Amino acid sequence: MQSIENKTETIKIAEYWLKGAITPPSEVKGKLEQLREVQNQIELLQKQKLNIMADIIQKAEEF
């Protein structure tokens, strides 16, 4: 059985959570997944940019 102090602390944490002061773990996970997806998109665009630059350089050398 929890002591009264521990129960009080648990209640305080629950109140903060309900008021939105603490981000629920599911939201954090969702945000991390969104950030990973954005990072993947950025990396893909950077690779595309490098490929385009390589094509431009190659065509300039051929010209």
Protein backbone atom coordinates (compact mmCIF):
# COMPACT_ATOMS: atom_id res chain seq x y z
CA MET A 1 0.00 0.00 0.00
CA GLN A 2 1.29 3.42 -0.92
CA SER A 3 2.01 5.99 1.70
CA ILE A 4 -0.09 9.15 1.75
CA GLU A 5 2.86 11.15 0.36
CA ASN A 6 3.20 8.81 -2.62
CA LYS A 7 -0.53 8.95 -3.29
CA THR A 8 -0.45 12.75 -3.11
CA GLU A 9 2.46 12.84 -5.56
CA THR A 10 0.63 10.46 -7.89
CA ILE A 11 -2.45 12.67 -7.78
CA LYS A 12 -0.34 15.76 -8.55
CA ILE A 13 1.22 14.03 -11.55
CA ALA A 14 -2.22 12.94 -12.76
CA GLU A 15 -3.49 16.52 -12.45
CA TYR A 16 -0.55 17.87 -14.47
CA TRP A 17 -1.13 15.19 -17.08
CA LEU A 18 -4.81 16.03 -17.35
CA LYS A 19 -4.04 19.74 -17.65
CA GLY A 20 -1.59 19.04 -20.47
CA ALA A 21 1.57 20.00 -18.60
CA ILE A 22 2.96 16.54 -19.30
CA THR A 23 2.90 15.16 -22.81
CA PRO A 24 1.47 11.64 -22.85
CA PRO A 25 3.90 9.00 -24.15
CA SER A 26 1.61 8.19 -27.08
CA GLU A 27 1.84 11.80 -28.29
CA VAL A 28 5.62 11.75 -27.95
CA LYS A 29 5.76 8.53 -29.96
CA GLY A 30 3.53 10.06 -32.63
CA LYS A 31 5.71 13.17 -32.85
CA LEU A 32 8.87 11.05 -33.12
CA GLU A 33 7.32 9.05 -35.94
CA GLN A 34 6.41 12.29 -37.73
CA LEU A 35 9.94 13.61 -37.26
CA ARG A 36 11.42 10.38 -38.65
CA GLU A 37 9.17 10.62 -41.70
CA VAL A 38 10.17 14.26 -42.26
CA GLN A 39 13.84 13.32 -41.87
CA ASN A 40 13.42 10.54 -44.44
CA GLN A 41 11.77 12.99 -46.85
CA ILE A 42 14.61 15.49 -46.36
CA GLU A 43 17.21 12.81 -47.06
CA LEU A 44 15.36 11.72 -50.21
CA LEU A 45 15.18 15.32 -51.46
CA GLN A 46 18.89 15.82 -50.76
CA LYS A 47 19.72 12.71 -52.80
CA GLN A 48 17.50 13.94 -55.63
CA LYS A 49 19.25 17.31 -55.51
CA LEU A 50 22.66 15.65 -55.74
CA ASN A 51 21.51 13.54 -58.69
CA ILE A 52 20.19 16.63 -60.48
CA MET A 53 23.44 18.49 -59.83
CA ALA A 54 25.44 15.53 -61.15
CA ASP A 55 23.29 15.47 -64.30
CA ILE A 56 23.79 19.21 -64.82
CA ILE A 57 27.56 18.89 -64.43
CA GLN A 58 27.67 15.93 -66.81
CA LYS A 59 25.63 17.78 -69.46
CA ALA A 60 27.78 20.89 -69.04
CA GLU A 61 30.93 18.81 -69.58
CA GLU A 62 29.42 17.21 -72.69
CA PHE A 63 28.48 20.60 -74.07
